[in-house]
Amino acid sequence: MNVIDLLITIIVVTILVTIALGVMTYIAYKLRLARRPSQLSDDSSTAQYFVLHEPPDGSEPGEADAT
C-alpha cells in the first residue's frame, strides 16, 4: 500500500465517522426534545423560580417589631 492509498483511506474513514457522529447527534437531539415537558401545561402567570414573600399580618415592609 503506497502513501496515496493510505491518505485516501484516512480521508474516507474520517468522512464516514463524521457523518455517523452527525446522525447520532441529531438522534440524541430529537430524543432530548421528546423528553422535554410541554410548555402548554405551565401557567405563565405564576413565577417559575421565585416565590413572592408576604410579610406577616399587621406589619408594613421596613417596619421593625416592637416586641
C-alpha atoms as a PDB file:
ATOM      1  CA  MET A   1       0.000   0.000   0.000  1.00  0.00           C
ATOM      2  CA  ASN A   2       1.533   3.291  -1.006  1.00  0.00           C
ATOM      3  CA  VAL A   3       1.121   6.684   0.639  1.00  0.00           C
ATOM      4  CA  ILE A   4      -1.707   7.867  -1.626  1.00  0.00           C
ATOM      5  CA  ASP A   5      -3.860   4.810  -0.871  1.00  0.00           C
ATOM      6  CA  LEU A   6      -3.259   5.332   2.845  1.00  0.00           C
ATOM      7  CA  LEU A   7      -4.302   9.008   2.635  1.00  0.00           C
ATOM      8  CA  ILE A   8      -7.431   8.120   0.650  1.00  0.00           C
ATOM      9  CA  THR A   9      -8.358   5.516   3.264  1.00  0.00           C
ATOM     10  CA  ILE A  10      -7.855   8.005   6.099  1.00  0.00           C
ATOM     11  CA  ILE A  11      -9.979  10.648   4.345  1.00  0.00           C
ATOM     12  CA  VAL A  12     -12.810   8.230   3.551  1.00  0.00           C
ATOM     13  CA  VAL A  13     -12.872   6.870   7.118  1.00  0.00           C
ATOM     14  CA  THR A  14     -12.858  10.424   8.504  1.00  0.00           C
ATOM     15  CA  ILE A  15     -15.806  11.406   6.298  1.00  0.00           C
ATOM     16  CA  LEU A  16     -17.792   8.300   7.287  1.00  0.00           C
ATOM     17  CA  VAL A  17     -17.118   8.823  11.007  1.00  0.00           C
ATOM     18  CA  THR A  18     -18.158  12.482  10.706  1.00  0.00           C
ATOM     19  CA  ILE A  19     -21.440  11.521   9.019  1.00  0.00           C
ATOM     20  CA  ALA A  20     -22.116   8.834  11.643  1.00  0.00           C
ATOM     21  CA  LEU A  21     -21.468  11.292  14.505  1.00  0.00           C
ATOM     22  CA  GLY A  22     -23.749  13.840  12.863  1.00  0.00           C
ATOM     23  CA  VAL A  23     -26.580  11.304  12.602  1.00  0.00           C
ATOM     24  CA  MET A  24     -26.111  10.165  16.211  1.00  0.00           C
ATOM     25  CA  THR A  25     -26.090  13.777  17.418  1.00  0.00           C
ATOM     26  CA  TYR A  26     -29.316  14.501  15.537  1.00  0.00           C
ATOM     27  CA  ILE A  27     -30.985  11.424  17.039  1.00  0.00           C
ATOM     28  CA  ALA A  28     -29.853  12.415  20.542  1.00  0.00           C
ATOM     29  CA  TYR A  29     -31.206  15.934  19.973  1.00  0.00           C
ATOM     30  CA  LYS A  30     -34.603  14.614  18.876  1.00  0.00           C
ATOM     31  CA  LEU A  31     -34.749  12.250  21.862  1.00  0.00           C
ATOM     32  CA  ARG A  32     -33.978  15.132  24.206  1.00  0.00           C
ATOM     33  CA  LEU A  33     -36.748  17.226  22.647  1.00  0.00           C
ATOM     34  CA  ALA A  34     -39.183  14.357  23.101  1.00  0.00           C
ATOM     35  CA  ARG A  35     -38.406  14.140  26.837  1.00  0.00           C
ATOM     36  CA  ARG A  36     -38.888  17.866  27.449  1.00  0.00           C
ATOM     37  CA  PRO A  37     -42.114  18.687  29.333  1.00  0.00           C
ATOM     38  CA  SER A  38     -44.675  20.532  27.219  1.00  0.00           C
ATOM     39  CA  GLN A  39     -44.852  24.290  27.604  1.00  0.00           C
ATOM     40  CA  LEU A  40     -48.662  24.308  27.284  1.00  0.00           C
ATOM     41  CA  SER A  41     -49.238  22.790  30.718  1.00  0.00           C
ATOM     42  CA  ASP A  42     -47.265  25.521  32.512  1.00  0.00           C
ATOM     43  CA  ASP A  43     -49.159  28.513  33.859  1.00  0.00           C
ATOM     44  CA  SER A  44     -47.226  31.556  32.674  1.00  0.00           C
ATOM     45  CA  SER A  45     -48.842  33.865  35.253  1.00  0.00           C
ATOM     46  CA  THR A  46     -47.032  32.198  38.159  1.00  0.00           C
ATOM     47  CA  ALA A  47     -43.356  32.632  38.924  1.00  0.00           C
ATOM     48  CA  GLN A  48     -41.290  29.689  37.826  1.00  0.00           C
ATOM     49  CA  TYR A  49     -38.276  30.067  40.109  1.00  0.00           C
ATOM     50  CA  PHE A  50     -39.131  32.694  42.713  1.00  0.00           C
ATOM     51  CA  VAL A  51     -41.929  32.873  45.252  1.00  0.00           C
ATOM     52  CA  LEU A  52     -43.203  36.232  46.497  1.00  0.00           C
ATOM     53  CA  HIS A  53     -42.629  36.566  50.245  1.00  0.00           C
ATOM     54  CA  GLU A  54     -45.534  38.229  52.039  1.00  0.00           C
ATOM     55  CA  PRO A  55     -44.762  39.988  55.346  1.00  0.00           C
ATOM     56  CA  PRO A  56     -46.661  38.816  58.453  1.00  0.00           C
ATOM     57  CA  ASP A  57     -50.112  40.336  59.052  1.00  0.00           C
ATOM     58  CA  GLY A  58     -50.223  43.779  60.690  1.00  0.00           C
ATOM     59  CA  SER A  59     -46.729  44.906  59.776  1.00  0.00           C
ATOM     60  CA  GLU A  60     -45.591  47.143  56.972  1.00  0.00           C
ATOM     61  CA  PRO A  61     -42.451  46.419  54.976  1.00  0.00           C
ATOM     62  CA  GLY A  62     -39.429  48.020  56.653  1.00  0.00           C
ATOM     63  CA  GLU A  63     -41.196  48.345  59.978  1.00  0.00           C
ATOM     64  CA  ALA A  64     -39.464  46.640  62.940  1.00  0.00           C
ATOM     65  CA  ASP A  65     -41.374  44.621  65.549  1.00  0.00           C
ATOM     66  CA  ALA A  66     -41.536  46.327  68.954  1.00  0.00           C
ATOM     67  CA  THR A  67     -41.814  43.149  70.991  1.00  0.00           C
END
